[in-house]
Amino acid sequence: MIDFKNGSFVKLHKVSNDSIGENAKKLLLDGEKVISVYQSIRDYVIFTNKRFISVNVQGLTGKKQDLTSMPYNKISVFSVETAGTLDFDSELELYFSGVGKVRFEFTGSADIVEIGKIIGEHLL
């Protein structure tokens, strides 16, 4: 589960869209397309054309998973911070009314502007 009190998530790096697990694939709706997938050590986040799905892999075997789905249309405010010359990481902060803030940190390979564009298309 996303920690809405802390609001942060470990640094994520881009991986292949094919790397999502079976449980996450089953959550995808008809017509929903995976835009990009970002992974930390075991956990990962899937950005689709409708929402993001946070997958928290638990236990020694990783069979137990917590999947949190957050639709873009529930975001009240979001902030995108791109990577710089000396700061190679980018950040995405999402504010959900009634729920709280979620903050993702990405390594330099993330297309954070594209993610921001997708979210903006659903909000504006």
Protein backbone atom coordinates (compact mmCIF):
# COMPACT_ATOMS: atom_id res chain seq x y z
CA MET A 1 0.00 0.00 0.00
CA ILE A 2 1.19 3.48 -0.73
CA ASP A 3 2.16 5.30 2.45
CA PHE A 4 -0.06 8.40 2.21
CA LYS A 5 1.19 9.73 5.56
CA ASN A 6 4.82 9.69 4.46
CA GLY A 7 3.92 10.34 0.84
CA SER A 8 7.15 9.03 -0.63
CA PHE A 9 8.29 6.09 -2.69
CA VAL A 10 11.80 4.81 -3.35
CA LYS A 11 13.65 5.77 -6.55
CA LEU A 12 12.30 4.14 -9.63
CA HIS A 13 13.99 3.24 -12.90
CA LYS A 14 12.36 2.46 -16.23
CA VAL A 15 11.88 -1.20 -17.15
CA SER A 16 10.19 -2.99 -20.03
CA ASN A 17 6.40 -2.73 -20.23
CA ASP A 18 6.37 -6.53 -20.46
CA SER A 19 7.78 -6.86 -16.94
CA ILE A 20 4.47 -6.43 -15.12
CA GLY A 21 3.17 -9.39 -13.15
CA GLU A 22 0.07 -11.46 -13.83
CA ASN A 23 -1.93 -9.86 -11.01
CA ALA A 24 -1.33 -6.39 -12.44
CA LYS A 25 -2.19 -7.57 -15.96
CA LYS A 26 -5.53 -8.85 -14.66
CA LEU A 27 -6.35 -5.36 -13.34
CA LEU A 28 -6.04 -3.73 -16.75
CA LEU A 29 -9.35 -2.78 -18.33
CA ASP A 30 -10.39 -3.26 -21.94
CA GLY A 31 -8.73 -0.47 -23.94
CA GLU A 32 -6.34 0.41 -21.12
CA LYS A 33 -2.78 0.69 -22.38
CA VAL A 34 0.46 0.50 -20.41
CA ILE A 35 2.46 3.66 -21.09
CA SER A 36 5.50 2.90 -18.94
CA VAL A 37 6.68 0.80 -16.01
CA TYR A 38 9.13 1.92 -13.33
CA GLN A 39 10.65 -0.39 -10.74
CA SER A 40 12.54 -0.11 -7.47
CA ILE A 41 14.12 -3.23 -5.99
CA ARG A 42 10.99 -5.40 -6.00
CA ASP A 43 8.10 -2.95 -6.10
CA TYR A 44 6.99 -1.22 -9.27
CA VAL A 45 4.57 1.36 -10.65
CA ILE A 46 2.63 1.01 -13.88
CA PHE A 47 1.48 4.16 -15.66
CA THR A 48 -1.40 3.52 -18.05
CA ASN A 49 -3.52 5.83 -20.15
CA LYS A 50 -6.12 5.93 -17.31
CA ARG A 51 -4.32 5.55 -13.95
CA PHE A 52 -1.24 4.36 -12.17
CA ILE A 53 -1.02 1.05 -10.34
CA SER A 54 1.47 0.71 -7.51
CA VAL A 55 2.55 -2.89 -6.87
CA ASN A 56 4.07 -3.60 -3.46
CA VAL A 57 5.67 -7.07 -3.55
CA GLN A 58 5.64 -8.66 -0.09
CA GLY A 59 7.04 -11.72 1.63
CA LEU A 60 10.05 -13.88 0.85
CA THR A 61 8.60 -15.41 -2.30
CA GLY A 62 6.93 -12.25 -3.60
CA LYS A 63 3.64 -14.06 -4.19
CA LYS A 64 1.80 -11.73 -1.84
CA GLN A 65 1.25 -8.34 -3.47
CA ASP A 66 -0.59 -5.16 -2.63
CA LEU A 67 -1.89 -3.43 -5.75
CA THR A 68 -3.09 0.16 -5.34
CA SER A 69 -4.93 1.75 -8.25
CA MET A 70 -5.12 5.54 -8.44
CA PRO A 71 -7.10 6.99 -11.36
CA TYR A 72 -5.76 10.21 -12.82
CA ASN A 73 -9.17 11.89 -12.63
CA LYS A 74 -8.96 11.79 -8.80
CA ILE A 75 -5.80 13.94 -8.75
CA SER A 76 -6.48 17.49 -7.61
CA VAL A 77 -2.94 18.89 -8.14
CA PHE A 78 0.31 17.48 -9.50
CA SER A 79 3.88 18.68 -9.81
CA VAL A 80 6.63 17.53 -12.19
CA GLU A 81 10.31 18.22 -11.52
CA THR A 82 12.66 17.34 -14.35
CA ALA A 83 16.27 16.20 -13.97
CA GLY A 84 18.97 18.85 -14.14
CA THR A 85 22.65 19.07 -14.93
CA LEU A 86 23.91 17.98 -11.51
CA ASP A 87 20.69 16.52 -10.15
CA PHE A 88 19.95 13.52 -12.37
CA ASP A 89 16.71 12.52 -10.65
CA SER A 90 13.21 13.70 -11.49
CA GLU A 91 10.15 13.79 -9.25
CA LEU A 92 6.40 13.54 -9.53
CA GLU A 93 4.09 14.67 -6.73
CA LEU A 94 0.41 13.84 -6.89
CA TYR A 95 -2.23 15.22 -4.53
CA PHE A 96 -5.45 13.27 -4.14
CA SER A 97 -8.28 15.06 -2.38
CA GLY A 98 -9.38 13.19 0.71
CA VAL A 99 -6.44 10.78 0.49
CA GLY A 100 -3.17 12.70 0.55
CA LYS A 101 0.06 13.11 -1.35
CA VAL A 102 2.05 10.54 -3.28
CA ARG A 103 5.62 11.33 -4.29
CA PHE A 104 7.67 9.34 -6.79
CA GLU A 105 11.39 9.80 -7.43
CA PHE A 106 12.78 8.62 -10.74
CA THR A 107 16.29 8.05 -12.04
CA GLY A 108 17.46 10.07 -15.03
CA SER A 109 15.99 7.66 -17.60
CA ALA A 110 12.38 8.58 -16.76
CA ASP A 111 10.29 10.52 -19.24
CA ILE A 112 8.68 12.58 -16.50
CA VAL A 113 7.32 15.20 -18.92
CA GLU A 114 5.41 12.51 -20.85
CA ILE A 115 3.91 11.22 -17.60
CA GLY A 116 2.91 14.78 -16.68
CA LYS A 117 1.30 15.22 -20.09
CA ILE A 118 -0.77 12.05 -19.68
CA ILE A 119 -1.97 13.17 -16.25
CA GLY A 120 -2.74 16.67 -17.56
CA GLU A 121 -4.85 15.25 -20.40
CA HIS A 122 -7.10 13.64 -17.80
CA LEU A 123 -7.36 16.70 -15.58
CA LEU A 124 -7.76 19.59 -18.01
